[in-house]
N, C-alpha and C. Protein backbone atom coordinates (compact mmCIF):
# COMPACT_ATOMS: atom_id res chain seq x y z
N MET A 1 86.14 58.51 119.08
CA MET A 1 85.85 57.29 119.66
C MET A 1 84.72 56.59 118.94
N ALA A 2 84.58 55.32 119.18
CA ALA A 2 83.37 54.79 118.27
C ALA A 2 82.02 55.31 118.93
N SER A 3 80.91 55.33 118.00
CA SER A 3 79.59 55.88 118.44
C SER A 3 79.11 55.30 119.86
N VAL A 4 79.57 53.98 119.95
CA VAL A 4 78.87 53.51 121.16
C VAL A 4 79.30 54.17 122.30
N LEU A 5 80.41 54.91 122.28
CA LEU A 5 80.87 55.56 123.36
C LEU A 5 80.24 57.06 123.66
N GLU A 6 79.16 57.00 124.28
CA GLU A 6 78.50 58.20 124.30
C GLU A 6 79.24 58.99 125.51
N GLU A 7 79.30 60.35 125.67
CA GLU A 7 79.93 61.13 126.56
C GLU A 7 79.32 60.92 127.81
N GLY A 8 78.13 60.50 128.10
CA GLY A 8 77.64 59.95 129.47
C GLY A 8 78.49 58.98 129.93
N LEU A 9 78.60 57.98 129.14
CA LEU A 9 79.29 56.83 129.60
C LEU A 9 80.89 57.13 129.86
N ILE A 10 81.36 57.84 129.10
CA ILE A 10 82.64 58.20 129.31
C ILE A 10 83.06 58.88 130.50
N TYR A 11 82.12 59.75 130.99
CA TYR A 11 82.13 60.52 132.23
C TYR A 11 81.85 59.64 133.39
N GLU A 12 81.07 58.65 133.29
CA GLU A 12 80.43 57.62 134.25
C GLU A 12 81.72 56.64 134.58
N ILE A 13 82.68 56.42 133.69
CA ILE A 13 83.95 55.59 133.68
C ILE A 13 84.75 56.67 134.51
N LEU A 14 84.96 57.73 134.00
CA LEU A 14 86.09 58.75 134.63
C LEU A 14 85.60 59.06 136.09
N SER A 15 84.30 59.28 136.27
CA SER A 15 83.87 59.41 137.72
C SER A 15 84.14 58.48 138.72
N VAL A 16 84.18 57.17 138.28
CA VAL A 16 84.56 56.12 139.09
C VAL A 16 85.95 56.13 139.48
N VAL A 17 86.77 56.36 138.26
CA VAL A 17 88.22 56.50 138.38
C VAL A 17 88.72 57.55 139.39
N GLU A 18 87.80 58.61 139.43
CA GLU A 18 87.97 59.91 140.09
C GLU A 18 88.05 59.44 141.77
N GLU A 19 87.35 58.39 142.18
CA GLU A 19 87.16 57.97 143.44
C GLU A 19 88.22 57.12 144.10
N ILE A 20 88.96 56.59 143.19
CA ILE A 20 90.13 55.63 143.80
C ILE A 20 91.06 56.64 144.38
N PRO A 21 91.04 56.18 145.83
CA PRO A 21 92.01 56.76 146.75
C PRO A 21 93.56 56.69 146.57
N PRO A 22 94.29 57.88 146.60
CA PRO A 22 95.63 57.73 146.62
C PRO A 22 96.26 56.45 147.36
N GLY A 23 97.15 55.83 146.79
CA GLY A 23 97.71 54.44 147.36
C GLY A 23 96.80 53.19 147.14
N LYS A 24 95.83 53.41 146.26
CA LYS A 24 95.06 52.25 146.08
C LYS A 24 94.89 51.99 144.44
N VAL A 25 94.69 50.97 143.92
CA VAL A 25 94.52 50.56 142.71
C VAL A 25 93.04 50.00 142.26
N ALA A 26 92.54 50.01 141.33
CA ALA A 26 91.37 49.19 140.62
C ALA A 26 91.77 48.57 139.50
N SER A 27 90.95 47.60 139.24
CA SER A 27 91.14 46.91 137.88
C SER A 27 90.29 47.41 136.83
N TYR A 28 90.48 47.24 135.53
CA TYR A 28 89.70 47.77 134.55
C TYR A 28 88.13 47.05 134.74
N GLY A 29 88.30 45.81 135.05
CA GLY A 29 87.01 44.93 135.26
C GLY A 29 86.29 45.43 136.39
N GLN A 30 86.95 45.81 137.51
CA GLN A 30 86.26 46.34 138.74
C GLN A 30 85.48 47.74 138.27
N ILE A 31 86.16 48.31 137.64
CA ILE A 31 85.31 49.62 137.25
C ILE A 31 84.13 49.40 136.37
N ALA A 32 84.42 48.41 135.32
CA ALA A 32 83.29 48.13 134.57
C ALA A 32 82.11 47.56 135.44
N ARG A 33 82.53 46.47 136.27
CA ARG A 33 81.21 46.16 137.40
C ARG A 33 80.60 47.37 137.99
N LEU A 34 81.48 48.29 138.46
CA LEU A 34 80.83 49.42 139.29
C LEU A 34 79.78 50.32 138.35
N ILE A 35 80.04 50.37 137.07
CA ILE A 35 79.17 51.24 136.18
C ILE A 35 78.08 50.09 135.54
N GLY A 36 78.01 48.89 136.14
CA GLY A 36 76.84 48.03 135.45
C GLY A 36 77.31 47.24 134.19
N ARG A 37 78.63 47.40 133.80
CA ARG A 37 78.88 46.75 132.37
C ARG A 37 80.03 45.67 132.63
N GLU A 38 79.67 44.74 133.38
CA GLU A 38 80.53 43.74 134.02
C GLU A 38 81.50 43.33 132.98
N LYS A 39 81.10 43.03 131.60
CA LYS A 39 81.96 42.40 130.74
C LYS A 39 82.62 43.40 129.72
N ASN A 40 82.70 44.46 130.04
CA ASN A 40 83.30 45.82 129.31
C ASN A 40 84.66 46.40 129.90
N ALA A 41 85.67 45.47 130.40
CA ALA A 41 86.81 46.09 130.77
C ALA A 41 87.49 46.75 129.81
N ARG A 42 87.66 46.19 128.57
CA ARG A 42 88.40 46.88 127.53
C ARG A 42 87.97 48.12 127.18
N LEU A 43 86.54 48.13 127.33
CA LEU A 43 85.92 49.74 127.23
C LEU A 43 86.50 50.49 128.03
N VAL A 44 86.56 50.12 129.17
CA VAL A 44 87.07 51.14 130.30
C VAL A 44 88.53 51.48 129.74
N GLY A 45 89.43 50.56 129.69
CA GLY A 45 90.82 50.77 128.91
C GLY A 45 90.78 51.70 127.85
N LYS A 46 89.84 51.68 126.96
CA LYS A 46 89.88 52.37 125.75
C LYS A 46 89.68 53.82 126.20
N VAL A 47 88.71 53.98 127.34
CA VAL A 47 88.27 55.33 127.66
C VAL A 47 89.43 55.88 128.46
N LEU A 48 89.97 55.09 129.28
CA LEU A 48 91.20 55.70 130.03
C LEU A 48 92.39 56.16 129.11
N GLY A 49 92.71 55.33 128.09
CA GLY A 49 93.78 55.72 127.06
C GLY A 49 93.43 57.10 126.51
N ARG A 50 92.57 57.72 126.56
CA ARG A 50 92.08 59.04 125.82
C ARG A 50 91.48 60.00 127.02
N ALA A 51 91.79 59.55 128.33
CA ALA A 51 91.08 60.40 129.25
C ALA A 51 91.40 61.80 129.42
N GLU A 52 92.74 62.10 129.01
CA GLU A 52 93.31 63.43 129.12
C GLU A 52 92.52 64.47 128.27
N ILE A 53 91.79 63.83 127.38
CA ILE A 53 90.86 64.84 126.49
C ILE A 53 89.81 65.33 127.34
N TYR A 54 89.50 64.70 128.46
CA TYR A 54 88.19 65.14 129.28
C TYR A 54 88.53 65.80 130.67
N GLY A 55 89.96 65.79 130.87
CA GLY A 55 90.32 66.37 132.16
C GLY A 55 91.44 65.65 132.85
N ASP A 56 91.61 66.00 134.01
CA ASP A 56 92.68 65.41 134.75
C ASP A 56 92.30 64.26 135.74
N TYR A 57 92.39 63.00 135.39
CA TYR A 57 92.11 61.97 136.14
C TYR A 57 92.91 61.03 136.67
N PRO A 58 92.81 60.32 137.69
CA PRO A 58 93.99 59.53 138.34
C PRO A 58 94.14 57.96 137.74
N CYS A 59 94.09 58.23 136.21
CA CYS A 59 94.17 56.70 135.45
C CYS A 59 95.23 55.99 135.84
N HIS A 60 96.41 56.46 136.40
CA HIS A 60 97.36 55.70 136.84
C HIS A 60 97.16 54.74 137.87
N ARG A 61 95.84 54.74 138.48
CA ARG A 61 95.54 53.87 139.70
C ARG A 61 94.65 52.76 139.13
N VAL A 62 94.73 52.60 137.98
CA VAL A 62 94.33 51.57 137.25
C VAL A 62 94.94 50.69 136.55
N VAL A 63 94.76 49.14 136.90
CA VAL A 63 95.96 48.24 136.15
C VAL A 63 94.88 46.95 135.89
N ASN A 64 95.54 45.94 135.31
CA ASN A 64 94.70 44.79 134.92
C ASN A 64 94.28 43.98 135.99
N HIS A 65 93.73 42.95 135.91
CA HIS A 65 92.98 42.28 136.83
C HIS A 65 94.39 41.38 138.07
N VAL A 66 95.57 41.35 137.44
CA VAL A 66 96.41 40.68 138.13
C VAL A 66 97.67 41.71 138.74
N GLY A 67 97.20 42.94 138.35
CA GLY A 67 98.15 44.02 138.85
C GLY A 67 99.15 44.47 137.82
N ARG A 68 98.92 44.21 136.60
CA ARG A 68 99.99 44.49 135.55
C ARG A 68 99.86 45.88 135.20
N LEU A 69 100.86 46.78 134.99
CA LEU A 69 100.90 48.24 134.72
C LEU A 69 100.43 48.20 133.03
N ALA A 70 99.82 49.40 132.63
CA ALA A 70 99.60 49.48 131.30
C ALA A 70 100.99 49.63 130.59
N PRO A 71 101.07 48.91 129.52
CA PRO A 71 102.50 48.73 128.88
C PRO A 71 102.75 50.00 128.03
N HIS A 72 101.91 50.99 127.99
CA HIS A 72 102.17 52.27 127.15
C HIS A 72 102.23 53.30 127.84
N PHE A 73 102.22 53.23 129.28
CA PHE A 73 101.98 54.28 130.30
C PHE A 73 103.37 54.48 131.09
N GLY A 74 104.43 55.00 130.67
CA GLY A 74 105.70 54.89 131.37
C GLY A 74 105.74 55.59 132.74
N ALA A 75 104.90 56.58 133.02
CA ALA A 75 105.01 57.30 134.23
C ALA A 75 104.32 56.56 135.19
N GLN A 76 103.38 55.47 134.98
CA GLN A 76 102.41 54.93 135.92
C GLN A 76 103.23 54.24 137.07
N ARG A 77 104.12 53.63 136.89
CA ARG A 77 105.05 53.00 138.07
C ARG A 77 105.50 54.12 139.12
N SER A 78 106.15 54.98 138.59
CA SER A 78 106.56 56.10 139.29
C SER A 78 105.64 56.98 140.15
N LEU A 79 104.20 57.20 139.48
CA LEU A 79 103.28 57.76 140.01
C LEU A 79 102.63 57.13 141.21
N LEU A 80 102.39 55.67 140.76
CA LEU A 80 101.96 54.53 142.01
C LEU A 80 102.93 54.81 143.31
N LEU A 81 104.14 54.42 142.93
CA LEU A 81 105.27 54.44 143.94
C LEU A 81 105.33 55.76 144.88
N ALA A 82 105.09 56.87 144.24
CA ALA A 82 104.82 58.22 145.10
C ALA A 82 103.82 58.01 146.02
N GLU A 83 102.68 57.35 145.77
CA GLU A 83 101.53 57.21 146.52
C GLU A 83 101.77 56.06 147.39
N GLY A 84 102.69 55.42 147.35
CA GLY A 84 102.99 54.27 148.47
C GLY A 84 102.67 52.85 147.92
N VAL A 85 102.13 52.81 146.74
CA VAL A 85 101.55 51.43 146.24
C VAL A 85 102.75 50.45 146.22
N ARG A 86 102.47 49.37 146.76
CA ARG A 86 103.51 48.07 146.70
C ARG A 86 103.41 47.32 145.63
N PHE A 87 104.42 46.92 145.00
CA PHE A 87 104.73 46.11 143.89
C PHE A 87 105.30 44.69 144.03
N LYS A 88 104.93 43.93 143.50
CA LYS A 88 105.33 42.46 143.56
C LYS A 88 106.64 42.32 142.67
N ASP A 89 106.72 43.14 141.72
CA ASP A 89 108.09 43.07 140.75
C ASP A 89 107.78 44.56 139.84
N ASP A 90 108.71 44.58 139.07
CA ASP A 90 108.84 45.88 138.02
C ASP A 90 107.46 46.10 137.62
N THR A 91 106.73 45.23 137.27
CA THR A 91 105.52 45.58 136.45
C THR A 91 104.16 45.14 136.81
N HIS A 92 104.14 44.53 138.21
CA HIS A 92 102.95 44.35 138.66
C HIS A 92 102.82 44.83 140.18
N VAL A 93 101.55 45.56 140.48
CA VAL A 93 101.11 46.04 141.61
C VAL A 93 100.78 44.75 142.58
N ASP A 94 101.25 44.91 143.92
CA ASP A 94 100.60 43.86 144.78
C ASP A 94 99.00 44.08 145.15
N MET A 95 98.41 43.44 144.36
CA MET A 95 96.92 43.70 144.51
C MET A 95 96.21 43.33 145.88
N LYS A 96 96.93 42.51 146.49
CA LYS A 96 96.35 41.84 147.96
C LYS A 96 96.38 43.18 148.86
N SER A 97 97.64 43.99 148.84
CA SER A 97 97.69 45.06 149.73
C SER A 97 97.01 46.41 149.01
N CYS A 98 97.06 46.59 147.90
CA CYS A 98 96.85 47.64 147.35
C CYS A 98 95.37 47.88 146.48
N ARG A 99 94.48 46.79 146.58
CA ARG A 99 93.26 46.96 145.67
C ARG A 99 92.29 47.66 146.40
N TRP A 100 91.76 48.64 145.63
CA TRP A 100 90.74 49.50 146.31
C TRP A 100 89.63 48.58 146.84
N ASP A 101 89.07 48.63 147.97
CA ASP A 101 88.10 48.03 148.63
C ASP A 101 86.69 48.94 148.39
N CYS A 102 86.07 48.39 147.44
CA CYS A 102 84.54 49.19 147.14
C CYS A 102 83.78 47.95 146.84
N ASP A 103 82.60 48.53 146.37
CA ASP A 103 81.58 47.32 145.90
C ASP A 103 81.85 46.47 144.72
N GLY A 104 83.09 46.77 143.89
CA GLY A 104 83.27 46.23 142.75
C GLY A 104 84.06 45.01 143.06
């Protein structure tokens, strides 16, 4: 990863992801706001794309701001459905009913 991604920052992002409860989703931007990096949603996505290197985190609970699933994460939909997450269509989570209600 780029040198700007210090291990502390990576674990800060992953610790927020770890707090997302089953049956809820958060957006990349929401996580960025929670760590004090409001404009770094893409950074969050970059970290989550390599999260398996750092352990087992519920990255499937993170979607974009309109609820779209990650395009290269084939199991994401089935993992979310197993937790009871509602969908608007095949590729979009119903953010109104499933968005994680936190300070973000």
